[in-house]
Protein backbone atom coordinates (compact mmCIF):
# COMPACT_ATOMS: atom_id res chain seq x y z
CA UNK A 1 63.00 124.00 -54.76
CA UNK A 2 66.69 124.17 -53.76
CA UNK A 3 68.90 121.16 -54.14
CA UNK A 4 68.12 118.38 -51.68
CA UNK A 5 71.77 117.43 -51.65
CA UNK A 6 74.79 118.51 -53.71
CA UNK A 7 74.86 115.03 -55.28
CA UNK A 8 71.19 114.96 -56.35
CA UNK A 9 69.86 116.33 -59.64
CA UNK A 10 67.76 119.48 -59.65
CA UNK A 11 65.02 119.44 -60.68
CA UNK A 12 64.26 115.83 -59.81
CA UNK A 13 63.89 113.50 -62.84
CA UNK A 14 60.18 112.72 -62.35
CA UNK A 15 59.95 110.74 -65.58
CA UNK A 16 62.49 108.23 -64.18
CA UNK A 17 61.11 108.23 -60.65
CA UNK A 18 57.36 107.97 -61.35
CA UNK A 19 57.10 104.22 -61.97
CA UNK A 20 59.35 102.99 -59.09
CA UNK A 21 57.74 105.57 -56.77
CA UNK A 22 54.24 104.29 -57.54
CA UNK A 23 55.36 100.69 -57.02
CA UNK A 24 56.96 101.48 -53.65
CA UNK A 25 53.96 103.52 -52.47
CA UNK A 26 51.49 100.76 -53.39
CA UNK A 27 53.57 97.95 -51.84
CA UNK A 28 54.01 99.82 -48.55
CA UNK A 29 50.30 100.62 -48.36
CA UNK A 30 49.31 96.98 -49.00
CA UNK A 31 51.67 95.63 -46.35
CA UNK A 32 50.64 98.16 -43.73
CA UNK A 33 46.96 97.47 -44.34
CA UNK A 34 47.53 93.71 -44.23
CA UNK A 35 49.30 94.01 -40.88
CA UNK A 36 46.68 96.34 -39.40
CA UNK A 37 44.18 93.54 -38.79
CA UNK A 38 46.55 90.58 -38.86
CA UNK A 39 46.49 88.12 -35.94
CA UNK A 40 50.26 87.74 -36.24
CA UNK A 41 51.12 91.44 -36.47
CA UNK A 42 53.17 91.54 -33.28
CA UNK A 43 54.88 88.27 -34.17
CA UNK A 44 55.67 89.56 -37.68
CA UNK A 45 57.17 92.74 -36.25
CA UNK A 46 59.24 90.86 -33.67
CA UNK A 47 60.54 88.37 -36.23
CA UNK A 48 61.40 90.96 -38.87
CA UNK A 49 63.51 92.90 -36.38
CA UNK A 50 65.93 89.96 -36.45
CA UNK A 51 65.72 89.60 -40.23
CA UNK A 52 66.49 93.26 -40.90
CA UNK A 53 69.33 93.40 -38.38
CA UNK A 54 71.05 90.45 -40.07
CA UNK A 55 70.44 92.05 -43.48
CA UNK A 56 72.16 95.27 -42.35
CA UNK A 57 75.35 93.28 -41.72
CA UNK A 58 74.96 91.33 -44.98
CA UNK A 59 74.95 94.56 -46.99
CA UNK A 60 78.28 95.47 -45.37
CA UNK A 61 79.72 92.09 -46.35
CA UNK A 62 79.49 90.51 -42.89
CA UNK A 63 77.58 87.28 -42.36
CA UNK A 64 75.46 86.85 -39.25
CA UNK A 65 73.19 83.84 -38.88
CA UNK A 66 69.73 84.80 -37.69
CA UNK A 67 69.71 81.77 -35.40
CA UNK A 68 72.85 83.00 -33.62
CA UNK A 69 71.34 86.48 -33.30
CA UNK A 70 68.15 85.11 -31.73
CA UNK A 71 70.08 83.03 -29.20
CA UNK A 72 72.43 85.92 -28.41
CA UNK A 73 69.48 88.24 -27.84
CA UNK A 74 67.98 85.70 -25.43
CA UNK A 75 71.29 85.23 -23.62
CA UNK A 76 71.49 81.60 -24.77
CA UNK A 77 74.68 81.71 -26.84
CA UNK A 78 76.20 78.34 -27.61
CA UNK A 79 79.57 79.89 -28.48
CA UNK A 80 81.49 83.11 -27.87
CA UNK A 81 79.75 86.00 -29.68
CA UNK A 82 81.64 87.33 -32.70
CA UNK A 83 82.25 90.97 -33.50
CA UNK A 84 79.70 90.77 -36.32
CA UNK A 85 77.11 89.27 -34.01
CA UNK A 86 77.41 92.04 -31.43
CA UNK A 87 77.15 94.67 -34.18
CA UNK A 88 73.99 93.01 -35.48
CA UNK A 89 72.60 93.02 -31.96
CA UNK A 90 73.23 96.77 -31.76
CA UNK A 91 71.15 97.23 -34.93
CA UNK A 92 68.46 94.98 -33.43
CA UNK A 93 68.30 97.09 -30.26
CA UNK A 94 68.08 100.28 -32.32
CA UNK A 95 65.23 98.89 -34.44
CA UNK A 96 63.29 97.94 -31.34
CA UNK A 97 63.90 101.33 -29.75
CA UNK A 98 62.69 103.16 -32.86
CA UNK A 99 59.69 100.85 -33.39
CA UNK A 100 58.60 101.20 -29.75
CA UNK A 101 58.94 104.98 -29.75
CA UNK A 102 56.56 107.62 -31.09
CA UNK A 103 56.57 107.94 -34.90
CA UNK A 104 58.62 111.15 -34.86
CA UNK A 105 60.95 110.27 -32.01
CA UNK A 106 63.87 108.83 -33.97
CA UNK A 107 64.22 111.90 -36.21
CA UNK A 108 63.99 114.34 -33.33
CA UNK A 109 67.15 115.78 -31.82
CA UNK A 110 66.61 113.80 -28.62
CA UNK A 111 66.07 110.61 -30.59
CA UNK A 112 69.23 110.89 -32.64
CA UNK A 113 71.28 111.84 -29.59
CA UNK A 114 69.94 108.75 -27.85
CA UNK A 115 70.70 106.49 -30.80
CA UNK A 116 74.24 107.81 -31.07
CA UNK A 117 74.77 107.27 -27.34
CA UNK A 118 74.92 110.86 -26.11
CA UNK A 119 71.63 111.14 -24.26
CA UNK A 120 71.46 111.00 -20.46
CA UNK A 121 70.66 107.75 -18.68
CA UNK A 122 67.20 109.06 -17.86
CA UNK A 123 66.40 109.23 -21.59
CA UNK A 124 67.86 105.95 -22.79
CA UNK A 125 68.62 102.63 -21.25
CA UNK A 126 71.84 102.16 -23.22
CA UNK A 127 73.45 103.56 -26.37
CA UNK A 128 72.82 101.80 -29.66
CA UNK A 129 75.44 103.42 -31.88
CA UNK A 130 78.46 105.64 -31.56
CA UNK A 131 80.14 106.33 -28.27
CA UNK A 132 78.91 104.56 -25.14
CA UNK A 133 77.46 106.54 -22.31
CA UNK A 134 79.77 108.02 -19.66
CA UNK A 135 81.54 105.21 -17.87
CA UNK A 136 83.23 104.70 -14.57
CA UNK A 137 86.92 105.23 -13.86
CA UNK A 138 87.82 101.84 -15.27
CA UNK A 139 85.98 102.47 -18.55
CA UNK A 140 83.40 99.73 -17.93
CA UNK A 141 79.72 100.48 -18.39
CA UNK A 142 77.93 98.49 -15.73
CA UNK A 143 76.39 99.02 -12.35
CA UNK A 144 78.76 97.73 -9.67
CA UNK A 145 77.37 95.39 -7.05
CA UNK A 146 76.82 96.54 -3.50
CA UNK A 147 80.12 96.66 -1.64
CA UNK A 148 80.75 93.60 0.45
CA UNK A 149 83.59 92.03 2.36
CA UNK A 150 82.59 88.65 1.08
CA UNK A 151 85.36 87.34 -1.17
CA UNK A 152 82.82 85.52 -3.31
CA UNK A 153 80.96 88.77 -4.03
CA UNK A 154 84.22 90.42 -5.05
CA UNK A 155 84.97 87.54 -7.38
CA UNK A 156 81.56 87.82 -9.04
CA UNK A 157 82.03 91.57 -9.40
CA UNK A 158 85.35 91.11 -11.18
CA UNK A 159 83.80 88.52 -13.49
CA UNK A 160 80.93 90.87 -14.33
CA UNK A 161 83.42 93.62 -15.09
CA UNK A 162 85.45 91.37 -17.38
CA UNK A 163 82.33 90.27 -19.27
CA UNK A 164 81.12 93.86 -19.69
CA UNK A 165 84.58 94.90 -20.91
CA UNK A 166 84.63 92.06 -23.46
CA UNK A 167 81.13 92.85 -24.75
CA UNK A 168 82.02 96.50 -25.33
CA UNK A 169 85.27 95.59 -27.07
CA UNK A 170 83.54 93.13 -29.43
CA UNK A 171 80.81 95.65 -30.24
CA UNK A 172 83.33 98.34 -31.16
CA UNK A 173 82.11 100.53 -28.33
CA UNK A 174 85.24 100.52 -26.18
CA UNK A 175 86.91 103.85 -25.63
CA UNK A 176 89.60 105.26 -23.43
CA UNK A 177 88.81 106.69 -20.02
CA UNK A 178 86.43 109.63 -20.21
CA UNK A 179 88.17 112.98 -20.05
CA UNK A 180 86.77 116.49 -19.45
CA UNK A 181 87.55 117.37 -23.06
CA UNK A 182 85.67 114.31 -24.36
CA UNK A 183 88.70 113.10 -26.31
CA UNK A 184 88.31 110.14 -28.65
CA UNK A 185 90.68 107.36 -29.46
CA UNK A 186 92.37 108.35 -32.77
CA UNK A 187 92.76 104.66 -33.64
CA UNK A 188 88.96 104.34 -33.72
CA UNK A 189 87.73 107.79 -34.73
CA UNK A 190 88.81 110.30 -37.37
CA UNK A 191 89.35 113.35 -35.18
CA UNK A 192 88.68 115.70 -38.11
CA UNK A 193 85.25 114.17 -38.64
CA UNK A 194 82.78 116.79 -37.40
CA UNK A 195 79.70 114.67 -36.67
CA UNK A 196 77.62 117.60 -35.40
CA UNK A 197 78.21 119.64 -38.58
CA UNK A 198 77.46 116.63 -40.79
CA UNK A 199 74.28 115.89 -38.86
CA UNK A 200 73.20 119.52 -39.28
CA UNK A 201 73.81 119.25 -43.02
CA UNK A 202 71.76 116.06 -43.17
CA UNK A 203 68.92 117.64 -41.18
CA UNK A 204 68.70 120.38 -43.82
CA UNK A 205 68.04 117.70 -46.43
CA UNK A 206 65.35 116.14 -44.21
CA UNK A 207 63.62 119.50 -43.78
CA UNK A 208 63.64 120.16 -47.53
CA UNK A 209 61.72 116.95 -48.24
CA UNK A 210 58.63 118.05 -46.29
CA UNK A 211 56.58 118.71 -49.42
CA UNK A 212 57.58 115.52 -51.26
CA UNK A 213 55.77 112.16 -51.19
CA UNK A 214 56.90 110.29 -48.04
CA UNK A 215 58.40 107.36 -49.95
CA UNK A 216 60.47 109.62 -52.20
CA UNK A 217 61.48 111.66 -49.16
CA UNK A 218 62.72 108.49 -47.42
CA UNK A 219 64.76 107.57 -50.50
CA UNK A 220 66.35 111.04 -50.63
CA UNK A 221 67.03 111.08 -46.89
CA UNK A 222 68.85 107.73 -46.98
CA UNK A 223 70.78 108.71 -50.11
CA UNK A 224 71.87 111.90 -48.34
CA UNK A 225 72.90 109.91 -45.25
CA UNK A 226 75.04 107.63 -47.43
CA UNK A 227 76.79 110.56 -49.07
CA UNK A 228 77.22 112.79 -46.01
CA UNK A 229 78.03 109.97 -43.54
CA UNK A 230 77.15 111.96 -40.40
CA UNK A 231 78.30 109.32 -37.89
CA UNK A 232 81.46 107.24 -38.09
CA UNK A 233 80.15 104.18 -36.27
CA UNK A 234 76.44 103.80 -37.01
CA UNK A 235 75.92 100.65 -39.06
CA UNK A 236 72.43 100.59 -40.57
CA UNK A 237 71.20 103.71 -38.78
CA UNK A 238 70.55 105.61 -42.02
CA UNK A 239 68.04 103.05 -43.24
CA UNK A 240 66.38 102.87 -39.83
CA UNK A 241 65.92 106.65 -39.84
CA UNK A 242 64.53 106.52 -43.39
CA UNK A 243 62.03 103.91 -42.23
CA UNK A 244 61.18 106.09 -39.26
CA UNK A 245 60.48 108.98 -41.63
CA UNK A 246 57.86 106.83 -43.38
CA UNK A 247 56.17 106.30 -40.00
CA UNK A 248 56.44 109.96 -39.02
CA UNK A 249 54.78 111.13 -42.25
CA UNK A 250 51.98 108.58 -42.06
CA UNK A 251 52.94 106.27 -44.91
CA UNK A 252 53.24 103.33 -42.53
CA UNK A 253 51.38 103.31 -39.26
CA UNK A 254 51.73 99.82 -37.78
CA UNK A 255 55.24 98.72 -38.76
CA UNK A 256 58.81 99.94 -39.28
CA UNK A 257 59.87 99.05 -42.86
CA UNK A 258 62.73 96.58 -43.26
CA UNK A 259 64.76 98.63 -45.72
CA UNK A 260 67.98 96.67 -45.25
CA UNK A 261 66.18 93.45 -46.16
CA UNK A 262 64.81 95.14 -49.26
CA UNK A 263 68.25 96.43 -50.26
CA UNK A 264 69.55 92.83 -50.28
CA UNK A 265 67.36 92.16 -53.31
CA UNK A 266 69.05 94.93 -55.31
CA UNK A 267 72.36 94.03 -57.00
CA UNK A 268 75.40 95.69 -55.47
CA UNK A 269 76.37 97.28 -58.79
CA UNK A 270 73.08 99.19 -58.87
CA UNK A 271 73.42 100.29 -55.23
CA UNK A 272 76.86 101.77 -56.01
CA UNK A 273 75.90 103.51 -59.25
CA UNK A 274 77.67 106.79 -60.05
CA UNK A 275 74.47 108.31 -61.41
CA UNK A 276 72.46 110.13 -58.72
CA UNK A 277 69.11 109.56 -60.44
CA UNK A 278 69.84 105.85 -60.73
CA UNK A 279 70.65 105.68 -57.01
CA UNK A 280 67.29 107.25 -56.15
CA UNK A 281 65.54 104.65 -58.30
CA UNK A 282 67.48 101.96 -56.43
CA UNK A 283 66.35 103.38 -53.09
CA UNK A 284 62.72 103.25 -54.24
CA UNK A 285 63.17 99.70 -55.57
CA UNK A 286 64.62 98.65 -52.19
CA UNK A 287 61.57 100.07 -50.38
CA UNK A 288 59.25 98.21 -52.76
CA UNK A 289 61.20 94.96 -52.37
CA UNK A 290 61.07 95.28 -48.58
CA UNK A 291 57.29 95.63 -48.63
CA UNK A 292 56.71 92.86 -51.15
CA UNK A 293 58.93 90.44 -49.25
CA UNK A 294 57.15 91.44 -46.07
CA UNK A 295 53.81 90.49 -47.63
CA UNK A 296 55.14 87.09 -48.71
CA UNK A 297 56.63 86.41 -45.29
CA UNK A 298 53.40 87.44 -43.57
CA UNK A 299 51.34 85.01 -45.65
CA UNK A 300 53.81 82.15 -45.06
CA UNK A 301 53.91 82.72 -41.30
CA UNK A 302 50.14 83.11 -41.11
CA UNK A 303 49.70 79.78 -42.91
CA UNK A 304 52.20 78.13 -40.53
CA UNK A 305 50.26 79.46 -37.54
CA UNK A 306 46.97 78.18 -38.99
CA UNK A 307 48.41 74.69 -39.42
CA UNK A 308 49.79 74.69 -35.87
CA UNK A 309 46.46 75.84 -34.43
CA UNK A 310 44.78 72.80 -35.96
CA UNK A 311 46.82 70.65 -33.59
CA UNK A 312 45.00 72.22 -30.64
CA UNK A 313 41.73 70.44 -31.39
CA UNK A 314 40.66 68.40 -28.39
CA UNK A 315 43.22 69.99 -26.07
CA UNK A 316 42.24 71.16 -22.61
CA UNK A 317 41.62 74.86 -22.07
CA UNK A 318 44.62 75.17 -19.73
CA UNK A 319 47.09 73.88 -22.33
CA UNK A 320 50.22 76.01 -22.85
CA UNK A 321 50.39 75.09 -26.53
CA UNK A 322 48.57 78.26 -27.76
CA UNK A 323 51.16 80.42 -25.99
CA UNK A 324 53.95 78.35 -27.49
CA UNK A 325 52.52 78.76 -30.99
CA UNK A 326 52.44 82.56 -30.68
CA UNK A 327 55.98 82.55 -29.29
CA UNK A 328 57.29 80.35 -32.11
CA UNK A 329 55.72 82.61 -34.72
CA UNK A 330 57.40 85.65 -33.14
CA UNK A 331 60.93 84.21 -33.33
CA UNK A 332 62.91 82.62 -36.18
CA UNK A 333 64.19 80.09 -33.64
CA UNK A 334 63.40 79.02 -30.08
CA UNK A 335 65.31 76.87 -27.61
CA UNK A 336 64.07 74.92 -24.63
CA UNK A 337 65.49 77.58 -22.32
CA UNK A 338 63.74 80.38 -24.19
CA UNK A 339 60.44 78.52 -24.09
CA UNK A 340 60.83 77.70 -20.41
CA UNK A 341 61.47 81.36 -19.56
CA UNK A 342 58.61 82.67 -21.71
CA UNK A 343 55.98 80.13 -20.57
CA UNK A 344 57.29 79.77 -17.02
CA UNK A 345 57.72 76.01 -17.29
CA UNK A 346 60.66 73.67 -16.82
CA UNK A 347 63.03 72.95 -19.74
CA UNK A 348 61.80 69.34 -19.74
CA UNK A 349 58.19 70.51 -20.03
CA UNK A 350 59.24 72.88 -22.82
CA UNK A 351 60.69 69.97 -24.79
CA UNK A 352 57.48 67.99 -24.28
CA UNK A 353 55.45 70.89 -25.67
CA UNK A 354 57.74 71.10 -28.69
CA UNK A 355 57.25 67.38 -29.31
CA UNK A 356 53.47 67.77 -29.14
CA UNK A 357 53.55 70.52 -31.79
CA UNK A 358 56.04 68.65 -33.95
CA UNK A 359 58.27 71.67 -34.54
CA UNK A 360 61.23 71.36 -36.93
CA UNK A 361 64.61 70.97 -35.24
CA UNK A 362 66.89 73.54 -36.87
CA UNK A 363 70.39 72.95 -35.50
CA UNK A 364 71.07 69.28 -36.14
CA UNK A 365 72.70 69.01 -32.72
CA UNK A 366 72.10 66.54 -29.94
CA UNK A 367 72.60 69.23 -27.28
CA UNK A 368 71.68 72.93 -27.23
CA UNK A 369 68.94 72.19 -29.74
CA UNK A 370 66.56 74.77 -31.17
CA UNK A 371 63.34 74.64 -33.16
CA UNK A 372 61.47 76.83 -35.58
CA UNK A 373 58.90 77.05 -38.35
CA UNK A 374 59.74 77.91 -41.93
């Protein structure tokens, strides 16, 4: 078989890869089978999206609190979002898009073009990485309100534009006005960086892994992404695509692996090894760690749900507490506003429900409080 990548050994060192490969394969299979019939499968998937998005930033040396990410995603920020927070939210959106799509969608040409922000509006709701979609003459990606002579409407429109402009700037997605030549800002992009050629080179590596075990193929594909660096602004996308490859090739069928969370458990010195064989072993260890941590988290959250369900004994059949329990399990943190929106109750009623369940208050604040389990 030809070289998978110029940086990888040929032939592959099977004696070094056999043990970590078997461990990763077994761990992934156990987790996927556990989730298949789990009553908290959807909650586990929803919660781990947040966990993996925060881990993607952690690996890059940027700290994002999961609580802040949850509140930002729900539109309940208690402070101005930071640059790191908006980047983590971009990873979160990409994970959801990949997890909700068909198993092979993310690795298809249309999928990658959507994730890098170059697909048409009919194919994607908004870009996750790379350049934003074509914008209006002012460089602001939003739908303008219906024209009106009402001064109040004009004021709201200008406020919406300012907010949209700020969000794009914080997320690193701001660019100069679109031009026919598609020019990029040289302060943001390396103009000599040929993303299309690099993506084509990476796709060759993906194609050459067709006959390999899916877990080893995912390790090679992410290692190649790290070395080739196809896209200049695509934090965490390589690991998401490697996880998508595991779904496409049938290794996981009910979940998208949290490879960034698994990589956190591997020391940085090992992740940056100069030896190509050692880096492949690290990739396999990260996959195994992700699955093993996923199993532990699943059992903890399932136990928490079981204990909460015991508090429903003697409750009337119309109680909203069962819905609240499922919602709490699906989020690392919930606020009164989030509960009120999800259950269609008032914020005061949401706080009463929280008190009945005895959820743990996580913020230590008197206002803008939030609750969670574990």
